[in-house]
PDB file of all heavy atoms in Angstrom:
ATOM      1  N   GLY A   1       0.874  -1.156   0.000  1.00  0.00           N
ATOM      2  CA  GLY A   1       0.000   0.000   0.000  1.00  0.00           C
ATOM      3  C   GLY A   1       0.913   1.208   0.000  1.00  0.00           C
ATOM      4  O   GLY A   1       2.139   1.071   0.034  1.00  0.00           O
ATOM      5  N   VAL A   2       0.350   2.397  -0.037  1.00  0.00           N
ATOM      6  CA  VAL A   2       1.177   3.601   0.017  1.00  0.00           C
ATOM      7  C   VAL A   2       0.852   4.346   1.301  1.00  0.00           C
ATOM      8  O   VAL A   2      -0.312   4.571   1.634  1.00  0.00           O
ATOM      9  CB  VAL A   2       0.968   4.500  -1.224  1.00  0.00           C
ATOM     10  CG1 VAL A   2       1.544   3.829  -2.462  1.00  0.00           C
ATOM     11  CG2 VAL A   2      -0.498   4.842  -1.446  1.00  0.00           C
ATOM     12  N   GLY A   3       1.893   4.710   2.030  1.00  0.00           N
ATOM     13  CA  GLY A   3       1.709   5.352   3.316  1.00  0.00           C
ATOM     14  C   GLY A   3       1.087   6.725   3.232  1.00  0.00           C
ATOM     15  O   GLY A   3       0.713   7.292   4.261  1.00  0.00           O
ATOM     16  N   ARG A   4       0.954   7.254   2.037  1.00  0.00           N
ATOM     17  CA  ARG A   4       0.289   8.548   1.885  1.00  0.00           C
ATOM     18  C   ARG A   4      -1.223   8.419   1.770  1.00  0.00           C
ATOM     19  O   ARG A   4      -1.930   9.424   1.693  1.00  0.00           O
ATOM     20  CB  ARG A   4       0.856   9.310   0.683  1.00  0.00           C
ATOM     21  CG  ARG A   4       0.790   8.584  -0.646  1.00  0.00           C
ATOM     22  CD  ARG A   4       1.611   9.319  -1.720  1.00  0.00           C
ATOM     23  NE  ARG A   4       1.470   8.708  -3.037  1.00  0.00           N
ATOM     24  CZ  ARG A   4       2.259   7.751  -3.488  1.00  0.00           C
ATOM     25  NH1 ARG A   4       3.228   7.283  -2.725  1.00  0.00           N
ATOM     26  NH2 ARG A   4       2.087   7.253  -4.702  1.00  0.00           N
ATOM     27  N   ASN A   5      -1.735   7.179   1.788  1.00  0.00           N
ATOM     28  CA  ASN A   5      -3.187   6.967   1.770  1.00  0.00           C
ATOM     29  C   ASN A   5      -3.498   5.512   2.114  1.00  0.00           C
ATOM     30  O   ASN A   5      -3.834   4.707   1.251  1.00  0.00           O
ATOM     31  CB  ASN A   5      -3.772   7.331   0.403  1.00  0.00           C
ATOM     32  CG  ASN A   5      -5.258   7.595   0.449  1.00  0.00           C
ATOM     33  OD1 ASN A   5      -5.861   7.666   1.516  1.00  0.00           O
ATOM     34  ND2 ASN A   5      -5.875   7.760  -0.704  1.00  0.00           N
ATOM     35  N   LEU A   6      -3.415   5.211   3.391  1.00  0.00           N
ATOM     36  CA  LEU A   6      -3.570   3.838   3.862  1.00  0.00           C
ATOM     37  C   LEU A   6      -4.278   3.859   5.211  1.00  0.00           C
ATOM     38  O   LEU A   6      -3.929   4.636   6.097  1.00  0.00           O
ATOM     39  CB  LEU A   6      -2.194   3.183   3.998  1.00  0.00           C
ATOM     40  CG  LEU A   6      -2.129   1.775   4.585  1.00  0.00           C
ATOM     41  CD1 LEU A   6      -2.843   0.771   3.691  1.00  0.00           C
ATOM     42  CD2 LEU A   6      -0.670   1.370   4.785  1.00  0.00           C
ATOM     43  N   MET A   7      -5.271   3.001   5.372  1.00  0.00           N
ATOM     44  CA  MET A   7      -6.043   2.940   6.617  1.00  0.00           C
ATOM     45  C   MET A   7      -5.999   1.530   7.194  1.00  0.00           C
ATOM     46  O   MET A   7      -6.152   0.549   6.458  1.00  0.00           O
ATOM     47  CB  MET A   7      -7.498   3.357   6.348  1.00  0.00           C
ATOM     48  CG  MET A   7      -8.429   3.212   7.539  1.00  0.00           C
ATOM     49  SD  MET A   7     -10.111   3.785   7.178  1.00  0.00           S
ATOM     50  CE  MET A   7      -9.935   5.549   7.449  1.00  0.00           C
ATOM     51  N   TYR A   8      -5.764   1.452   8.505  1.00  0.00           N
ATOM     52  CA  TYR A   8      -5.828   0.160   9.167  1.00  0.00           C
ATOM     53  C   TYR A   8      -6.136   0.337  10.649  1.00  0.00           C
ATOM     54  O   TYR A   8      -6.070   1.443  11.199  1.00  0.00           O
ATOM     55  CB  TYR A   8      -4.541  -0.649   8.978  1.00  0.00           C
ATOM     56  CG  TYR A   8      -3.240   0.067   9.285  1.00  0.00           C
ATOM     57  CD1 TYR A   8      -2.896   0.448  10.577  1.00  0.00           C
ATOM     58  CD2 TYR A   8      -2.325   0.327   8.266  1.00  0.00           C
ATOM     59  CE1 TYR A   8      -1.687   1.065  10.863  1.00  0.00           C
ATOM     60  CE2 TYR A   8      -1.113   0.953   8.531  1.00  0.00           C
ATOM     61  CZ  TYR A   8      -0.793   1.312   9.825  1.00  0.00           C
ATOM     62  OH  TYR A   8       0.407   1.926  10.092  1.00  0.00           O
ATOM     63  N   GLU A   9      -6.485  -0.781  11.293  1.00  0.00           N
ATOM     64  CA  GLU A   9      -6.719  -0.793  12.733  1.00  0.00           C
ATOM     65  C   GLU A   9      -5.362  -0.771  13.435  1.00  0.00           C
ATOM     66  O   GLU A   9      -4.475  -1.554  13.105  1.00  0.00           O
ATOM     67  CB  GLU A   9      -7.511  -2.035  13.125  1.00  0.00           C
ATOM     68  CG  GLU A   9      -8.872  -2.118  12.446  1.00  0.00           C
ATOM     69  CD  GLU A   9      -9.499  -3.495  12.571  1.00  0.00           C
ATOM     70  OE1 GLU A   9      -8.911  -4.353  13.271  1.00  0.00           O
ATOM     71  OE2 GLU A   9     -10.578  -3.721  11.970  1.00  0.00           O
ATOM     72  N   ARG A  10      -5.205   0.106  14.411  1.00  0.00           N
ATOM     73  CA  ARG A  10      -3.878   0.276  15.009  1.00  0.00           C
ATOM     74  C   ARG A  10      -3.499  -0.863  15.953  1.00  0.00           C
ATOM     75  O   ARG A  10      -2.321  -1.192  16.098  1.00  0.00           O
ATOM     76  CB  ARG A  10      -3.789   1.612  15.740  1.00  0.00           C
ATOM     77  CG  ARG A  10      -4.566   1.714  17.024  1.00  0.00           C
ATOM     78  CD  ARG A  10      -4.287   3.034  17.730  1.00  0.00           C
ATOM     79  NE  ARG A  10      -4.997   3.104  18.990  1.00  0.00           N
ATOM     80  CZ  ARG A  10      -4.432   3.514  20.122  1.00  0.00           C
ATOM     81  NH1 ARG A  10      -3.178   3.897  20.132  1.00  0.00           N
ATOM     82  NH2 ARG A  10      -5.134   3.555  21.230  1.00  0.00           N
ATOM     83  N   ALA A  11      -4.489  -1.500  16.620  1.00  0.00           N
ATOM     84  CA  ALA A  11      -4.174  -2.515  17.630  1.00  0.00           C
ATOM     85  C   ALA A  11      -3.360  -3.684  17.068  1.00  0.00           C
ATOM     86  O   ALA A  11      -2.346  -4.084  17.665  1.00  0.00           O
ATOM     87  CB  ALA A  11      -5.456  -3.011  18.288  1.00  0.00           C
ATOM     88  N   PRO A  12      -3.739  -4.279  15.920  1.00  0.00           N
ATOM     89  CA  PRO A  12      -2.941  -5.393  15.392  1.00  0.00           C
ATOM     90  C   PRO A  12      -1.522  -4.976  15.000  1.00  0.00           C
ATOM     91  O   PRO A  12      -0.585  -5.769  15.150  1.00  0.00           O
ATOM     92  CB  PRO A  12      -3.739  -5.856  14.165  1.00  0.00           C
ATOM     93  CG  PRO A  12      -5.116  -5.346  14.380  1.00  0.00           C
ATOM     94  CD  PRO A  12      -4.961  -4.069  15.120  1.00  0.00           C
ATOM     95  N   VAL A  13      -1.363  -3.739  14.514  1.00  0.00           N
ATOM     96  CA  VAL A  13      -0.031  -3.274  14.111  1.00  0.00           C
ATOM     97  C   VAL A  13       0.845  -3.072  15.342  1.00  0.00           C
ATOM     98  O   VAL A  13       2.018  -3.479  15.366  1.00  0.00           O
ATOM     99  CB  VAL A  13      -0.132  -1.974  13.291  1.00  0.00           C
ATOM    100  CG1 VAL A  13       1.257  -1.457  12.933  1.00  0.00           C
ATOM    101  CG2 VAL A  13      -0.947  -2.216  12.020  1.00  0.00           C
ATOM    102  N   LEU A  14       0.297  -2.453  16.382  1.00  0.00           N
ATOM    103  CA  LEU A  14       1.065  -2.269  17.612  1.00  0.00           C
ATOM    104  C   LEU A  14       1.412  -3.608  18.249  1.00  0.00           C
ATOM    105  O   LEU A  14       2.507  -3.795  18.784  1.00  0.00           O
ATOM    106  CB  LEU A  14       0.281  -1.408  18.596  1.00  0.00           C
ATOM    107  CG  LEU A  14       0.280   0.091  18.317  1.00  0.00           C
ATOM    108  CD1 LEU A  14      -0.633   0.812  19.299  1.00  0.00           C
ATOM    109  CD2 LEU A  14       1.693   0.664  18.387  1.00  0.00           C
ATOM    110  N   GLN A  15       0.479  -4.535  18.191  1.00  0.00           N
ATOM    111  CA  GLN A  15       0.750  -5.861  18.738  1.00  0.00           C
ATOM    112  C   GLN A  15       1.903  -6.527  17.991  1.00  0.00           C
ATOM    113  O   GLN A  15       2.772  -7.162  18.604  1.00  0.00           O
ATOM    114  CB  GLN A  15      -0.499  -6.728  18.654  1.00  0.00           C
ATOM    115  CG  GLN A  15      -0.333  -8.107  19.279  1.00  0.00           C
ATOM    116  CD  GLN A  15      -1.620  -8.921  19.247  1.00  0.00           C
ATOM    117  OE1 GLN A  15      -2.610  -8.513  18.651  1.00  0.00           O
ATOM    118  NE2 GLN A  15      -1.609 -10.073  19.887  1.00  0.00           N
ATOM    119  N   ALA A  16       1.924  -6.362  16.671  1.00  0.00           N
ATOM    120  CA  ALA A  16       3.004  -6.947  15.872  1.00  0.00           C
ATOM    121  C   ALA A  16       4.353  -6.316  16.216  1.00  0.00           C
ATOM    122  O   ALA A  16       5.363  -7.004  16.363  1.00  0.00           O
ATOM    123  CB  ALA A  16       2.698  -6.771  14.393  1.00  0.00           C
ATOM    124  N   LEU A  17       4.373  -4.983  16.350  1.00  0.00           N
ATOM    125  CA  LEU A  17       5.623  -4.281  16.630  1.00  0.00           C
ATOM    126  C   LEU A  17       6.115  -4.525  18.055  1.00  0.00           C
ATOM    127  O   LEU A  17       7.323  -4.572  18.299  1.00  0.00           O
ATOM    128  CB  LEU A  17       5.436  -2.784  16.398  1.00  0.00           C
ATOM    129  CG  LEU A  17       5.181  -2.362  14.949  1.00  0.00           C
ATOM    130  CD1 LEU A  17       4.837  -0.885  14.875  1.00  0.00           C
ATOM    131  CD2 LEU A  17       6.396  -2.662  14.085  1.00  0.00           C
ATOM    132  N   ASP A  18       5.184  -4.685  18.997  1.00  0.00           N
ATOM    133  CA  ASP A  18       5.563  -4.824  20.401  1.00  0.00           C
ATOM    134  C   ASP A  18       5.771  -6.270  20.834  1.00  0.00           C
ATOM    135  O   ASP A  18       6.545  -6.528  21.774  1.00  0.00           O
ATOM    136  CB  ASP A  18       4.494  -4.195  21.299  1.00  0.00           C
ATOM    137  CG  ASP A  18       4.415  -2.684  21.145  1.00  0.00           C
ATOM    138  OD1 ASP A  18       5.419  -2.080  20.734  1.00  0.00           O
ATOM    139  OD2 ASP A  18       3.334  -2.113  21.419  1.00  0.00           O
ATOM    140  N   GLN A  19       5.100  -7.223  20.160  1.00  0.00           N
ATOM    141  CA  GLN A  19       5.104  -8.592  20.665  1.00  0.00           C
ATOM    142  C   GLN A  19       5.619  -9.635  19.677  1.00  0.00           C
ATOM    143  O   GLN A  19       6.017 -10.724  20.093  1.00  0.00           O
ATOM    144  CB  GLN A  19       3.692  -8.975  21.115  1.00  0.00           C
ATOM    145  CG  GLN A  19       3.132  -8.078  22.210  1.00  0.00           C
ATOM    146  CD  GLN A  19       1.710  -8.448  22.589  1.00  0.00           C
ATOM    147  OE1 GLN A  19       1.279  -9.585  22.410  1.00  0.00           O
ATOM    148  NE2 GLN A  19       0.962  -7.485  23.117  1.00  0.00           N
ATOM    149  N   ASP A  20       5.596  -9.316  18.388  1.00  0.00           N
ATOM    150  CA  ASP A  20       6.064 -10.277  17.389  1.00  0.00           C
ATOM    151  C   ASP A  20       7.529  -9.972  17.069  1.00  0.00           C
ATOM    152  O   ASP A  20       7.840  -9.064  16.301  1.00  0.00           O
ATOM    153  CB  ASP A  20       5.204 -10.168  16.122  1.00  0.00           C
ATOM    154  CG  ASP A  20       5.484 -11.285  15.130  1.00  0.00           C
ATOM    155  OD1 ASP A  20       6.643 -11.709  15.026  1.00  0.00           O
ATOM    156  OD2 ASP A  20       4.542 -11.709  14.437  1.00  0.00           O
ATOM    157  N   GLU A  21       8.444 -10.731  17.657  1.00  0.00           N
ATOM    158  CA  GLU A  21       9.868 -10.442  17.515  1.00  0.00           C
ATOM    159  C   GLU A  21      10.342 -10.584  16.074  1.00  0.00           C
ATOM    160  O   GLU A  21      11.206  -9.821  15.617  1.00  0.00           O
ATOM    161  CB  GLU A  21      10.670 -11.364  18.428  1.00  0.00           C
ATOM    162  CG  GLU A  21      10.434 -11.107  19.911  1.00  0.00           C
ATOM    163  CD  GLU A  21      11.264 -12.004  20.792  1.00  0.00           C
ATOM    164  OE1 GLU A  21      12.075 -12.791  20.239  1.00  0.00           O
ATOM    165  OE2 GLU A  21      11.119 -11.935  22.027  1.00  0.00           O
ATOM    166  N   ASP A  22       9.795 -11.545  15.342  1.00  0.00           N
ATOM    167  CA  ASP A  22      10.210 -11.740  13.956  1.00  0.00           C
ATOM    168  C   ASP A  22       9.811 -10.547  13.092  1.00  0.00           C
ATOM    169  O   ASP A  22      10.607 -10.052  12.282  1.00  0.00           O
ATOM    170  CB  ASP A  22       9.601 -13.025  13.386  1.00  0.00           C
ATOM    171  CG  ASP A  22      10.178 -14.276  14.030  1.00  0.00           C
ATOM    172  OD1 ASP A  22      11.314 -14.198  14.541  1.00  0.00           O
ATOM    173  OD2 ASP A  22       9.489 -15.311  14.030  1.00  0.00           O
ATOM    174  N   PHE A  23       8.577 -10.072  13.275  1.00  0.00           N
ATOM    175  CA  PHE A  23       8.134  -8.926  12.483  1.00  0.00           C
ATOM    176  C   PHE A  23       8.891  -7.672  12.885  1.00  0.00           C
ATOM    177  O   PHE A  23       9.288  -6.869  12.026  1.00  0.00           O
ATOM    178  CB  PHE A  23       6.630  -8.698  12.641  1.00  0.00           C
ATOM    179  CG  PHE A  23       6.119  -7.531  11.848  1.00  0.00           C
ATOM    180  CD1 PHE A  23       5.975  -7.629  10.466  1.00  0.00           C
ATOM    181  CD2 PHE A  23       5.813  -6.320  12.457  1.00  0.00           C
ATOM    182  CE1 PHE A  23       5.529  -6.557   9.714  1.00  0.00           C
ATOM    183  CE2 PHE A  23       5.362  -5.242  11.721  1.00  0.00           C
ATOM    184  CZ  PHE A  23       5.221  -5.361  10.345  1.00  0.00           C
ATOM    185  N   ALA A  24       9.112  -7.468  14.181  1.00  0.00           N
ATOM    186  CA  ALA A  24       9.853  -6.292  14.639  1.00  0.00           C
ATOM    187  C   ALA A  24      11.273  -6.291  14.071  1.00  0.00           C
ATOM    188  O   ALA A  24      11.795  -5.244  13.670  1.00  0.00           O
ATOM    189  CB  ALA A  24       9.883  -6.250  16.158  1.00  0.00           C
ATOM    190  N   ALA A  25      11.897  -7.464  14.009  1.00  0.00           N
ATOM    191  CA  ALA A  25      13.244  -7.558  13.443  1.00  0.00           C
ATOM    192  C   ALA A  25      13.231  -7.212  11.959  1.00  0.00           C
ATOM    193  O   ALA A  25      14.120  -6.514  11.459  1.00  0.00           O
ATOM    194  CB  ALA A  25      13.801  -8.964  13.657  1.00  0.00           C
ATOM    195  N   LEU A  26      12.212  -7.696  11.246  1.00  0.00           N
ATOM    196  CA  LEU A  26      12.070  -7.363   9.832  1.00  0.00           C
ATOM    197  C   LEU A  26      11.830  -5.865   9.651  1.00  0.00           C
ATOM    198  O   LEU A  26      12.368  -5.231   8.738  1.00  0.00           O
ATOM    199  CB  LEU A  26      10.910  -8.162   9.239  1.00  0.00           C
ATOM    200  CG  LEU A  26      10.545  -7.898   7.774  1.00  0.00           C
ATOM    201  CD1 LEU A  26      11.716  -8.237   6.863  1.00  0.00           C
ATOM    202  CD2 LEU A  26       9.312  -8.690   7.376  1.00  0.00           C
TER     203      LEU A  26
END
């Protein structure tokens, strides 16, 4: 997607960044 026009639910993204070590490393 393009960050200049993209919508998503914030909770799953924060969960990925805070709790999913593989995704955070990527």
